[in-house]
Amino acid sequence: MNITDVRIRKVDKEGKMKAVVSITIDNEFAVHDIKIIEGVFIAMPSRKNAEGEYRDVAHPINSDTRTQLQEMIMEKYREEIAEA
């Protein structure tokens, strides 16, 4: 699996969420609404279920993939912050 594109949309309002991210995998599959929280970690796209709990609708299956994904997204986020 190769992340072939990372797009960052900064959030201007106050709060813990700093940006929303879309990634493209192998130029063939997109995942939208990954959130950057407090500029420190990512939260995968989620939905509220009938019990009121939030459940991820897309997520890495193992910790190595999650770490790789988070590092790539955070690196791109830091680059965009530095440019601003």
PDB file of N, CA and C in Angstrom:
ATOM      1  N   MET A   1       0.847  -1.178   0.000  1.00  0.00           N
ATOM      2  CA  MET A   1       0.000   0.000   0.000  1.00  0.00           C
ATOM      3  C   MET A   1       0.888   1.235   0.000  1.00  0.00           C
ATOM      4  N   ASN A   2       0.594   2.134  -0.908  1.00  0.00           N
ATOM      5  CA  ASN A   2       1.327   3.391  -0.980  1.00  0.00           C
ATOM      6  C   ASN A   2       0.355   4.552  -0.894  1.00  0.00           C
ATOM      7  N   ILE A   3       0.642   5.478   0.009  1.00  0.00           N
ATOM      8  CA  ILE A   3      -0.131   6.715   0.083  1.00  0.00           C
ATOM      9  C   ILE A   3       0.420   7.607  -1.022  1.00  0.00           C
ATOM     10  N   THR A   4      -0.394   7.881  -2.024  1.00  0.00           N
ATOM     11  CA  THR A   4       0.086   8.632  -3.177  1.00  0.00           C
ATOM     12  C   THR A   4      -0.289  10.107  -3.149  1.00  0.00           C
ATOM     13  N   ASP A   5      -1.173  10.496  -2.224  1.00  0.00           N
ATOM     14  CA  ASP A   5      -1.537  11.911  -2.117  1.00  0.00           C
ATOM     15  C   ASP A   5      -2.082  12.178  -0.720  1.00  0.00           C
ATOM     16  N   VAL A   6      -1.692  13.305  -0.160  1.00  0.00           N
ATOM     17  CA  VAL A   6      -2.201  13.763   1.139  1.00  0.00           C
ATOM     18  C   VAL A   6      -2.626  15.209   0.958  1.00  0.00           C
ATOM     19  N   ARG A   7      -3.886  15.500   1.252  1.00  0.00           N
ATOM     20  CA  ARG A   7      -4.397  16.876   1.143  1.00  0.00           C
ATOM     21  C   ARG A   7      -4.889  17.333   2.510  1.00  0.00           C
ATOM     22  N   ILE A   8      -4.398  18.492   2.925  1.00  0.00           N
ATOM     23  CA  ILE A   8      -4.696  19.058   4.239  1.00  0.00           C
ATOM     24  C   ILE A   8      -5.593  20.268   4.065  1.00  0.00           C
ATOM     25  N   ARG A   9      -6.690  20.325   4.824  1.00  0.00           N
ATOM     26  CA  ARG A   9      -7.543  21.516   4.873  1.00  0.00           C
ATOM     27  C   ARG A   9      -7.545  22.004   6.322  1.00  0.00           C
ATOM     28  N   LYS A  10      -6.883  23.129   6.553  1.00  0.00           N
ATOM     29  CA  LYS A  10      -6.814  23.667   7.916  1.00  0.00           C
ATOM     30  C   LYS A  10      -8.186  24.139   8.371  1.00  0.00           C
ATOM     31  N   VAL A  11      -8.442  24.006   9.676  1.00  0.00           N
ATOM     32  CA  VAL A  11      -9.693  24.446  10.282  1.00  0.00           C
ATOM     33  C   VAL A  11      -9.409  25.769  10.981  1.00  0.00           C
ATOM     34  N   ASP A  12     -10.163  26.815  10.641  1.00  0.00           N
ATOM     35  CA  ASP A  12      -9.902  28.148  11.170  1.00  0.00           C
ATOM     36  C   ASP A  12     -10.515  28.404  12.545  1.00  0.00           C
ATOM     37  N   LYS A  13     -11.543  27.654  12.907  1.00  0.00           N
ATOM     38  CA  LYS A  13     -12.209  27.930  14.181  1.00  0.00           C
ATOM     39  C   LYS A  13     -11.429  27.353  15.363  1.00  0.00           C
ATOM     40  N   GLU A  14     -11.704  27.911  16.540  1.00  0.00           N
ATOM     41  CA  GLU A  14     -11.059  27.462  17.774  1.00  0.00           C
ATOM     42  C   GLU A  14     -11.487  26.035  18.096  1.00  0.00           C
ATOM     43  N   GLY A  15     -10.626  25.316  18.767  1.00  0.00           N
ATOM     44  CA  GLY A  15     -10.955  23.960  19.168  1.00  0.00           C
ATOM     45  C   GLY A  15      -9.768  23.034  19.005  1.00  0.00           C
ATOM     46  N   LYS A  16      -9.980  21.780  19.337  1.00  0.00           N
ATOM     47  CA  LYS A  16      -8.903  20.794  19.280  1.00  0.00           C
ATOM     48  C   LYS A  16      -8.587  20.331  17.867  1.00  0.00           C
ATOM     49  N   MET A  17      -9.581  20.311  16.991  1.00  0.00           N
ATOM     50  CA  MET A  17      -9.350  19.868  15.625  1.00  0.00           C
ATOM     51  C   MET A  17      -8.658  20.984  14.845  1.00  0.00           C
ATOM     52  N   LYS A  18      -7.489  20.680  14.297  1.00  0.00           N
ATOM     53  CA  LYS A  18      -6.691  21.682  13.593  1.00  0.00           C
ATOM     54  C   LYS A  18      -6.791  21.585  12.082  1.00  0.00           C
ATOM     55  N   ALA A  19      -7.110  20.381  11.562  1.00  0.00           N
ATOM     56  CA  ALA A  19      -7.206  20.211  10.115  1.00  0.00           C
ATOM     57  C   ALA A  19      -7.986  18.944   9.798  1.00  0.00           C
ATOM     58  N   VAL A  20      -8.464  18.891   8.550  1.00  0.00           N
ATOM     59  CA  VAL A  20      -9.132  17.702   8.027  1.00  0.00           C
ATOM     60  C   VAL A  20      -8.311  17.233   6.832  1.00  0.00           C
ATOM     61  N   VAL A  21      -8.100  15.931   6.743  1.00  0.00           N
ATOM     62  CA  VAL A  21      -7.185  15.367   5.758  1.00  0.00           C
ATOM     63  C   VAL A  21      -7.913  14.381   4.848  1.00  0.00           C
ATOM     64  N   SER A  22      -7.515  14.378   3.586  1.00  0.00           N
ATOM     65  CA  SER A  22      -7.923  13.343   2.642  1.00  0.00           C
ATOM     66  C   SER A  22      -6.651  12.687   2.122  1.00  0.00           C
ATOM     67  N   ILE A  23      -6.671  11.356   2.041  1.00  0.00           N
ATOM     68  CA  ILE A  23      -5.525  10.643   1.489  1.00  0.00           C
ATOM     69  C   ILE A  23      -5.992   9.826   0.287  1.00  0.00           C
ATOM     70  N   THR A  24      -5.050   9.574  -0.617  1.00  0.00           N
ATOM     71  CA  THR A  24      -5.306   8.672  -1.737  1.00  0.00           C
ATOM     72  C   THR A  24      -4.307   7.532  -1.620  1.00  0.00           C
ATOM     73  N   ILE A  25      -4.805   6.316  -1.805  1.00  0.00           N
ATOM     74  CA  ILE A  25      -3.984   5.117  -1.702  1.00  0.00           C
ATOM     75  C   ILE A  25      -3.817   4.539  -3.099  1.00  0.00           C
ATOM     76  N   ASP A  26      -2.554   4.342  -3.499  1.00  0.00           N
ATOM     77  CA  ASP A  26      -2.218   3.747  -4.799  1.00  0.00           C
ATOM     78  C   ASP A  26      -2.932   4.422  -5.977  1.00  0.00           C
ATOM     79  N   ASN A  27      -3.166   5.722  -5.886  1.00  0.00           N
ATOM     80  CA  ASN A  27      -3.860   6.476  -6.941  1.00  0.00           C
ATOM     81  C   ASN A  27      -5.212   5.879  -7.312  1.00  0.00           C
ATOM     82  N   GLU A  28      -5.805   5.094  -6.392  1.00  0.00           N
ATOM     83  CA  GLU A  28      -7.047   4.393  -6.728  1.00  0.00           C
ATOM     84  C   GLU A  28      -8.144   4.464  -5.672  1.00  0.00           C
ATOM     85  N   PHE A  29      -7.792   4.779  -4.429  1.00  0.00           N
ATOM     86  CA  PHE A  29      -8.783   4.717  -3.354  1.00  0.00           C
ATOM     87  C   PHE A  29      -8.566   5.905  -2.426  1.00  0.00           C
ATOM     88  N   ALA A  30      -9.640   6.626  -2.112  1.00  0.00           N
ATOM     89  CA  ALA A  30      -9.529   7.822  -1.275  1.00  0.00           C
ATOM     90  C   ALA A  30     -10.214   7.605   0.073  1.00  0.00           C
ATOM     91  N   VAL A  31      -9.629   8.193   1.108  1.00  0.00           N
ATOM     92  CA  VAL A  31     -10.232   8.221   2.439  1.00  0.00           C
ATOM     93  C   VAL A  31     -10.279   9.690   2.848  1.00  0.00           C
ATOM     94  N   HIS A  32     -11.479  10.170   3.170  1.00  0.00           N
ATOM     95  CA  HIS A  32     -11.689  11.565   3.539  1.00  0.00           C
ATOM     96  C   HIS A  32     -12.007  11.670   5.029  1.00  0.00           C
ATOM     97  N   ASP A  33     -11.934  12.889   5.533  1.00  0.00           N
ATOM     98  CA  ASP A  33     -12.348  13.233   6.899  1.00  0.00           C
ATOM     99  C   ASP A  33     -11.492  12.625   7.992  1.00  0.00           C
ATOM    100  N   ILE A  34     -10.196  12.453   7.728  1.00  0.00           N
ATOM    101  CA  ILE A  34      -9.255  12.129   8.796  1.00  0.00           C
ATOM    102  C   ILE A  34      -8.973  13.457   9.489  1.00  0.00           C
ATOM    103  N   LYS A  35      -9.027  13.472  10.807  1.00  0.00           N
ATOM    104  CA  LYS A  35      -8.874  14.723  11.547  1.00  0.00           C
ATOM    105  C   LYS A  35      -7.515  14.782  12.234  1.00  0.00           C
ATOM    106  N   ILE A  36      -6.909  15.977  12.202  1.00  0.00           N
ATOM    107  CA  ILE A  36      -5.700  16.215  12.989  1.00  0.00           C
ATOM    108  C   ILE A  36      -6.152  16.894  14.267  1.00  0.00           C
ATOM    109  N   ILE A  37      -5.862  16.261  15.393  1.00  0.00           N
ATOM    110  CA  ILE A  37      -6.298  16.738  16.701  1.00  0.00           C
ATOM    111  C   ILE A  37      -5.114  17.349  17.438  1.00  0.00           C
ATOM    112  N   GLU A  38      -5.297  18.607  17.846  1.00  0.00           N
ATOM    113  CA  GLU A  38      -4.303  19.369  18.607  1.00  0.00           C
ATOM    114  C   GLU A  38      -2.935  19.399  17.947  1.00  0.00           C
ATOM    115  N   GLY A  39      -2.872  19.122  16.642  1.00  0.00           N
ATOM    116  CA  GLY A  39      -1.592  19.133  15.936  1.00  0.00           C
ATOM    117  C   GLY A  39      -0.659  18.036  16.376  1.00  0.00           C
ATOM    118  N   VAL A  40      -1.208  16.983  17.023  1.00  0.00           N
ATOM    119  CA  VAL A  40      -0.367  15.939  17.604  1.00  0.00           C
ATOM    120  C   VAL A  40      -0.668  14.554  17.049  1.00  0.00           C
ATOM    121  N   PHE A  41      -1.933  14.229  16.834  1.00  0.00           N
ATOM    122  CA  PHE A  41      -2.279  12.898  16.358  1.00  0.00           C
ATOM    123  C   PHE A  41      -3.474  12.971  15.418  1.00  0.00           C
ATOM    124  N   ILE A  42      -3.771  11.839  14.765  1.00  0.00           N
ATOM    125  CA  ILE A  42      -4.886  11.795  13.830  1.00  0.00           C
ATOM    126  C   ILE A  42      -6.031  10.970  14.409  1.00  0.00           C
ATOM    127  N   ALA A  43      -7.238  11.297  13.965  1.00  0.00           N
ATOM    128  CA  ALA A  43      -8.435  10.519  14.293  1.00  0.00           C
ATOM    129  C   ALA A  43      -9.053  10.107  12.965  1.00  0.00           C
ATOM    130  N   MET A  44      -9.332   8.829  12.840  1.00  0.00           N
ATOM    131  CA  MET A  44      -9.880   8.303  11.595  1.00  0.00           C
ATOM    132  C   MET A  44     -11.350   8.715  11.455  1.00  0.00           C
ATOM    133  N   PRO A  45     -11.889   8.670  10.231  1.00  0.00           N
ATOM    134  CA  PRO A  45     -13.297   9.027  10.018  1.00  0.00           C
ATOM    135  C   PRO A  45     -14.204   8.129  10.866  1.00  0.00           C
ATOM    136  N   SER A  46     -15.232   8.721  11.462  1.00  0.00           N
ATOM    137  CA  SER A  46     -16.108   7.940  12.343  1.00  0.00           C
ATOM    138  C   SER A  46     -17.550   8.400  12.209  1.00  0.00           C
ATOM    139  N   ARG A  47     -18.449   7.560  12.739  1.00  0.00           N
ATOM    140  CA  ARG A  47     -19.877   7.864  12.786  1.00  0.00           C
ATOM    141  C   ARG A  47     -20.408   7.495  14.153  1.00  0.00           C
ATOM    142  N   LYS A  48     -21.460   8.197  14.547  1.00  0.00           N
ATOM    143  CA  LYS A  48     -22.113   7.900  15.815  1.00  0.00           C
ATOM    144  C   LYS A  48     -23.089   6.739  15.596  1.00  0.00           C
ATOM    145  N   ASN A  49     -23.024   5.721  16.453  1.00  0.00           N
ATOM    146  CA  ASN A  49     -23.950   4.592  16.320  1.00  0.00           C
ATOM    147  C   ASN A  49     -25.208   4.833  17.152  1.00  0.00           C
ATOM    148  N   ALA A  50     -26.113   3.879  17.164  1.00  0.00           N
ATOM    149  CA  ALA A  50     -27.402   4.026  17.852  1.00  0.00           C
ATOM    150  C   ALA A  50     -27.243   4.232  19.359  1.00  0.00           C
ATOM    151  N   GLU A  51     -26.152   3.731  19.932  1.00  0.00           N
ATOM    152  CA  GLU A  51     -25.902   3.896  21.367  1.00  0.00           C
ATOM    153  C   GLU A  51     -25.209   5.215  21.691  1.00  0.00           C
ATOM    154  N   GLY A  52     -24.919   6.022  20.677  1.00  0.00           N
ATOM    155  CA  GLY A  52     -24.291   7.319  20.889  1.00  0.00           C
ATOM    156  C   GLY A  52     -22.771   7.275  20.915  1.00  0.00           C
ATOM    157  N   GLU A  53     -22.191   6.117  20.619  1.00  0.00           N
ATOM    158  CA  GLU A  53     -20.735   5.983  20.599  1.00  0.00           C
ATOM    159  C   GLU A  53     -20.225   6.211  19.186  1.00  0.00           C
ATOM    160  N   TYR A  54     -19.031   6.759  19.076  1.00  0.00           N
ATOM    161  CA  TYR A  54     -18.418   6.957  17.765  1.00  0.00           C
ATOM    162  C   TYR A  54     -17.589   5.734  17.412  1.00  0.00           C
ATOM    163  N   ARG A  55     -17.741   5.258  16.167  1.00  0.00           N
ATOM    164  CA  ARG A  55     -17.010   4.103  15.657  1.00  0.00           C
ATOM    165  C   ARG A  55     -16.314   4.501  14.367  1.00  0.00           C
ATOM    166  N   ASP A  56     -15.044   4.107  14.233  1.00  0.00           N
ATOM    167  CA  ASP A  56     -14.313   4.383  13.005  1.00  0.00           C
ATOM    168  C   ASP A  56     -14.978   3.663  11.836  1.00  0.00           C
ATOM    169  N   VAL A  57     -15.096   4.351  10.715  1.00  0.00           N
ATOM    170  CA  VAL A  57     -15.649   3.727   9.512  1.00  0.00           C
ATOM    171  C   VAL A  57     -14.544   3.266   8.557  1.00  0.00           C
ATOM    172  N   ALA A  58     -13.341   3.764   8.760  1.00  0.00           N
ATOM    173  CA  ALA A  58     -12.161   3.322   8.009  1.00  0.00           C
ATOM    174  C   ALA A  58     -10.978   3.465   8.951  1.00  0.00           C
ATOM    175  N   HIS A  59     -10.131   2.461   8.991  1.00  0.00           N
ATOM    176  CA  HIS A  59      -8.983   2.531   9.891  1.00  0.00           C
ATOM    177  C   HIS A  59      -7.932   1.501   9.514  1.00  0.00           C
ATOM    178  N   PRO A  60      -6.655   1.748   9.873  1.00  0.00           N
ATOM    179  CA  PRO A  60      -5.607   0.756   9.648  1.00  0.00           C
ATOM    180  C   PRO A  60      -5.868  -0.474  10.523  1.00  0.00           C
ATOM    181  N   ILE A  61      -5.500  -1.629  10.012  1.00  0.00           N
ATOM    182  CA  ILE A  61      -5.714  -2.878  10.744  1.00  0.00           C
ATOM    183  C   ILE A  61      -4.612  -3.138  11.769  1.00  0.00           C
ATOM    184  N   ASN A  62      -3.400  -2.652  11.517  1.00  0.00           N
ATOM    185  CA  ASN A  62      -2.312  -2.917  12.469  1.00  0.00           C
ATOM    186  C   ASN A  62      -1.608  -1.623  12.862  1.00  0.00           C
ATOM    187  N   SER A  63      -0.870  -1.695  13.941  1.00  0.00           N
ATOM    188  CA  SER A  63      -0.242  -0.487  14.491  1.00  0.00           C
ATOM    189  C   SER A  63       0.869   0.059  13.603  1.00  0.00           C
ATOM    190  N   ASP A  64       1.583  -0.816  12.887  1.00  0.00           N
ATOM    191  CA  ASP A  64       2.640  -0.328  11.996  1.00  0.00           C
ATOM    192  C   ASP A  64       2.066   0.547  10.880  1.00  0.00           C
ATOM    193  N   THR A  65       0.953   0.111  10.318  1.00  0.00           N
ATOM    194  CA  THR A  65       0.320   0.889   9.257  1.00  0.00           C
ATOM    195  C   THR A  65      -0.223   2.198   9.804  1.00  0.00           C
ATOM    196  N   ARG A  66      -0.801   2.162  10.990  1.00  0.00           N
ATOM    197  CA  ARG A  66      -1.309   3.391  11.611  1.00  0.00           C
ATOM    198  C   ARG A  66      -0.168   4.371  11.868  1.00  0.00           C
ATOM    199  N   THR A  67       0.951   3.873  12.371  1.00  0.00           N
ATOM    200  CA  THR A  67       2.109   4.731  12.635  1.00  0.00           C
ATOM    201  C   THR A  67       2.618   5.358  11.337  1.00  0.00           C
ATOM    202  N   GLN A  68       2.732   4.555  10.287  1.00  0.00           N
ATOM    203  CA  GLN A  68       3.186   5.050   8.992  1.00  0.00           C
ATOM    204  C   GLN A  68       2.244   6.130   8.465  1.00  0.00           C
ATOM    205  N   LEU A  69       0.957   5.875   8.541  1.00  0.00           N
ATOM    206  CA  LEU A  69      -0.043   6.830   8.073  1.00  0.00           C
ATOM    207  C   LEU A  69       0.012   8.124   8.881  1.00  0.00           C
ATOM    208  N   GLN A  70       0.077   8.005  10.198  1.00  0.00           N
ATOM    209  CA  GLN A  70       0.113   9.185  11.058  1.00  0.00           C
ATOM    210  C   GLN A  70       1.372  10.006  10.801  1.00  0.00           C
ATOM    211  N   GLU A  71       2.522   9.353  10.670  1.00  0.00           N
ATOM    212  CA  GLU A  71       3.766  10.089  10.432  1.00  0.00           C
ATOM    213  C   GLU A  71       3.720  10.838   9.105  1.00  0.00           C
ATOM    214  N   MET A  72       3.178  10.202   8.065  1.00  0.00           N
ATOM    215  CA  MET A  72       3.097  10.851   6.758  1.00  0.00           C
ATOM    216  C   MET A  72       2.168  12.066   6.806  1.00  0.00           C
ATOM    217  N   ILE A  73       1.021  11.914   7.432  1.00  0.00           N
ATOM    218  CA  ILE A  73       0.059  13.014   7.533  1.00  0.00           C
ATOM    219  C   ILE A  73       0.628  14.148   8.372  1.00  0.00           C
ATOM    220  N   MET A  74       1.227  13.829   9.509  1.00  0.00           N
ATOM    221  CA  MET A  74       1.753  14.878  10.391  1.00  0.00           C
ATOM    222  C   MET A  74       2.924  15.608   9.748  1.00  0.00           C
ATOM    223  N   GLU A  75       3.749  14.905   8.981  1.00  0.00           N
ATOM    224  CA  GLU A  75       4.854  15.557   8.279  1.00  0.00           C
ATOM    225  C   GLU A  75       4.312  16.579   7.282  1.00  0.00           C
ATOM    226  N   LYS A  76       3.307  16.189   6.512  1.00  0.00           N
ATOM    227  CA  LYS A  76       2.689  17.110   5.543  1.00  0.00           C
ATOM    228  C   LYS A  76       2.032  18.294   6.267  1.00  0.00           C
ATOM    229  N   TYR A  77       1.378  18.031   7.400  1.00  0.00           N
ATOM    230  CA  TYR A  77       0.745  19.093   8.190  1.00  0.00           C
ATOM    231  C   TYR A  77       1.803  20.100   8.684  1.00  0.00           C
ATOM    232  N   ARG A  78       2.915  19.590   9.214  1.00  0.00           N
ATOM    233  CA  ARG A  78       3.986  20.488   9.693  1.00  0.00           C
ATOM    234  C   ARG A  78       4.563  21.326   8.559  1.00  0.00           C
ATOM    235  N   GLU A  79       4.707  20.716   7.366  1.00  0.00           N
ATOM    236  CA  GLU A  79       5.196  21.474   6.201  1.00  0.00           C
ATOM    237  C   GLU A  79       4.253  22.621   5.859  1.00  0.00           C
ATOM    238  N   GLU A  80       2.958  22.352   5.881  1.00  0.00           N
ATOM    239  CA  GLU A  80       1.981  23.394   5.538  1.00  0.00           C
ATOM    240  C   GLU A  80       1.950  24.490   6.593  1.00  0.00           C
ATOM    241  N   ILE A  81       2.091  24.117   7.857  1.00  0.00           N
ATOM    242  CA  ILE A  81       2.127  25.125   8.931  1.00  0.00           C
ATOM    243  C   ILE A  81       3.365  26.006   8.777  1.00  0.00           C
ATOM    244  N   ALA A  82       4.490  25.413   8.436  1.00  0.00           N
ATOM    245  CA  ALA A  82       5.732  26.171   8.268  1.00  0.00           C
ATOM    246  C   ALA A  82       5.635  27.155   7.102  1.00  0.00           C
ATOM    247  N   GLU A  83       4.917  26.767   6.047  1.00  0.00           N
ATOM    248  CA  GLU A  83       4.752  27.643   4.882  1.00  0.00           C
ATOM    249  C   GLU A  83       3.846  28.829   5.161  1.00  0.00           C
ATOM    250  N   ALA A  84       2.941  28.683   6.119  1.00  0.00           N
ATOM    251  CA  ALA A  84       1.944  29.733   6.404  1.00  0.00           C
ATOM    252  C   ALA A  84       2.545  30.911   7.115  1.00  0.00           C
TER     253      ALA A  84
END
